[in-house]
Amino acid sequence: MTDRDDFLAWVKSALYEAELALHNGDSAPRRAIWSRNEPVSILGAWRNAYGQHGLDGLLSSDGARRVA
């Protein structure tokens, strides 16, 4: 398997499942695949977050903002 194949397999499984869970109001799978090492940040279209505390807050609020 190539690096490309590994990446596509991850996108089609773990990342897809995490995004689906976030859409359904559960941010835990998304947080589980995000880095626990500093420095870490999210530069998003809606909101940015810096550091572990910021990521936790952003992902928790995204999970709480379930799209109906």
Protein backbone atom coordinates (compact mmCIF):
# COMPACT_ATOMS: atom_id res chain seq x y z
CA MET A 1 0.00 0.00 0.00
CA THR A 2 1.34 3.48 -0.85
CA ASP A 3 1.22 6.58 1.33
CA ARG A 4 -1.57 7.86 -0.92
CA ASP A 5 -3.57 4.66 -0.43
CA ASP A 6 -3.07 4.85 3.34
CA PHE A 7 -4.24 8.47 3.38
CA LEU A 8 -7.32 7.76 1.27
CA ALA A 9 -8.23 4.78 3.45
CA TRP A 10 -8.01 7.02 6.53
CA VAL A 11 -10.12 9.76 4.89
CA LYS A 12 -12.78 7.23 3.89
CA SER A 13 -12.93 5.67 7.34
CA ALA A 14 -11.78 7.50 10.51
CA LEU A 15 -12.07 11.05 9.17
CA TYR A 16 -15.44 10.40 7.53
CA GLU A 17 -16.82 8.82 10.71
CA ALA A 18 -15.52 11.73 12.83
CA GLU A 19 -17.09 14.31 10.53
CA LEU A 20 -20.40 12.43 10.48
CA ALA A 21 -20.41 12.20 14.28
CA LEU A 22 -19.67 15.95 14.55
CA HIS A 23 -22.55 16.69 12.21
CA ASN A 24 -24.77 14.60 14.49
CA GLY A 25 -23.65 16.49 17.61
CA ASP A 26 -20.82 14.29 18.90
CA SER A 27 -17.41 15.99 18.81
CA ALA A 28 -15.52 13.17 20.63
CA PRO A 29 -14.41 11.23 17.52
CA ARG A 30 -13.15 14.46 15.89
CA ARG A 31 -11.24 15.40 19.05
CA ALA A 32 -9.76 11.90 19.23
CA ILE A 33 -8.03 12.29 15.85
CA TRP A 34 -6.72 15.81 16.58
CA SER A 35 -3.18 16.35 17.87
CA ARG A 36 -2.56 16.40 21.63
CA ASN A 37 0.85 18.04 21.09
CA GLU A 38 1.50 21.79 21.30
CA PRO A 39 1.48 23.94 19.34
CA VAL A 40 -1.86 23.13 17.78
CA SER A 41 -4.45 25.33 16.13
CA ILE A 42 -7.56 25.35 13.96
CA LEU A 43 -7.89 28.11 11.41
CA GLY A 44 -11.50 27.84 10.42
CA ALA A 45 -13.95 29.77 8.31
CA TRP A 46 -16.26 30.27 11.29
CA ARG A 47 -13.83 30.48 14.23
CA ASN A 48 -10.15 29.93 15.05
CA ALA A 49 -8.71 28.11 18.06
CA TYR A 50 -5.22 27.95 19.53
CA GLY A 51 -3.86 25.45 22.05
CA GLN A 52 -5.49 22.39 23.60
CA HIS A 53 -7.97 24.41 25.66
CA GLY A 54 -9.06 26.38 22.60
CA LEU A 55 -9.46 23.21 20.52
CA ASP A 56 -11.55 21.56 23.22
CA GLY A 57 -13.81 24.60 23.40
CA LEU A 58 -14.18 24.91 19.64
CA LEU A 59 -14.87 21.22 19.04
CA SER A 60 -17.29 21.06 21.96
CA SER A 61 -19.22 24.06 20.67
CA ASP A 62 -19.25 22.63 17.14
CA GLY A 63 -20.67 19.38 18.49
CA ALA A 64 -23.27 21.32 20.42
CA ARG A 65 -24.25 23.26 17.28
CA ARG A 66 -25.80 20.22 15.65
CA VAL A 67 -27.05 20.96 12.19
CA ALA A 68 -30.69 19.92 11.93
